[in-house]
């Protein structure tokens, strides 16, 4: 005969185990802010303090609708009852507790449902639960300091404040002096990161010109947080937009919207402030996913592509409502979604290719100019080295017939031959042997030339080989000099052995080698020239 038994989990082990759900600090605080938004708050005030003993307290207060006794107890329940509004940012009834206790051992919530009701407090003290072995929620008298903050930001109004005490997992390490400058600086770094994160995650709420979300003000340690627009809409170009529908398991249909923006290159921003604010780096490219106007996942390609510098100007906005939670399998922290294969294939094969090409072309256009600028002086050591050996390596005499048409007569061991070579003066002092140039006819990597009467080589900075092999080694003088010497030697050897019968073949050889090198470097990574710029 079968039977059933009620088998509750061990309170101490379970409440300790739920601390390890993988929350990061910024994500945890955002989970608390979600509750404030669900409570229709207009103001959220976050404070981080460290007392004379090095003990940290974090509080998140709001002027939302607040809770009465029953509602407060339900909110503190692990797996609280469903919210009436399915669009609520709070989803699983776990976030408040698991996000908080991931960093503290004492979580308190103080709330009042209206201005005439007293403030009530409920507290999960993990040490108390472990010691008693029971899911025993404490209902103490309100904490005076927390109540004062609540009265400050929600005077004569409903509101709620969440406090974290006995914070033991904030820094990831124990400082020898918990009150010292290293611990204080660590706290400052964490709050600075939090401000940046909040400005990004709640951008649509904080931007009072954005009608997609209701207005919200968030203050962290006295500083009002400004929204951060990843798409720099004031300066960027909308290169693709689409709305698609997804059929749910119950037969209902819900839609989502995708928009792709190509950002300006760094040098195209009108001033340093807007350039730095855009954060145009390789790491910030990708898809930014919003659920109910709140960013839940940012800056990656969901496994479809690797982050390469040529995609650094592309950012994609993906927005959906709560209807698609089931289809997108939202995780407990609301920080990750899983797209089904059909949708991923649509993004990868249909939606993303055109904006990726547009952003890549824009990037490469800027990179050509940037590479040309950076290459101006990287060949100096090569020019100096070749100058010292020019006499002993001379293999041919070149007589200029017409410097306008490039007609020359070459005398070498094969005899005399007429050729056409580019004849020019040095663009920079001493640059008489190796000259970088933005382009060469037929897309060749190199060609022989005459600079100020010297036999020289022109190197095409627009060729993929230069971009993917030369550029990453700009800081290595020995490598640059070695590659330059090879190309100069090929030109010298060509002039030293060419004759009337072979001159066509030398040109074809340069063309063919340049073509093969173009293909061979296809799979090499793109160099990240932006990493050396001031992006912060």
Foldseek 3Di string as FASTA:
>chain_A
DDDDDDDDDFQLVVLVVLLPPPDALLLLVVLVVLVQVLLVFQEWEWEWDADPQLWIKIKIKTQGQWDDPVVVVQLPDQQHDADPDLQRPQHRSHSNRNSQSNFAQKKKKWWDRFLPDDIWMKMRRSVVCNVVRDRDIDTDDDDPVQVVVNCVRHPRGTMMMMMGGRGDPNQVDDDPRSNDPVVVVSVVVVLVVSLVSCLAQQVQQCPCVRPLHHHHWYHYNRRTRHHQDLQPVVAKDWQFKDKDWDQDPVRDIFIKIKIKIFHAPLVPDPDPVSSLSNLQFLQQAEEFEEESSGTQEGRDDLPLDDRFQLRSRMYMYMYGYSVCCVQQVQDNSSNHTHHDPVVSCCCNPPGPPRSSVVNSVNSLVVVLVVLLVLVQCLCQVLLVVCVVCVVVLQFWAWAADDQVQQWIWIQGPVGIAIDRAHEEEDPDPSCFAEAEDQADPLRFQKAWHGYPNGIHMYGHCSQVCCQQPVVVCSVPSVSSSVVRVVRSVLNSVCSRDDHPVCPVVSVVVRNVVSVVSSVVCPPGGGDGPCVPPPND
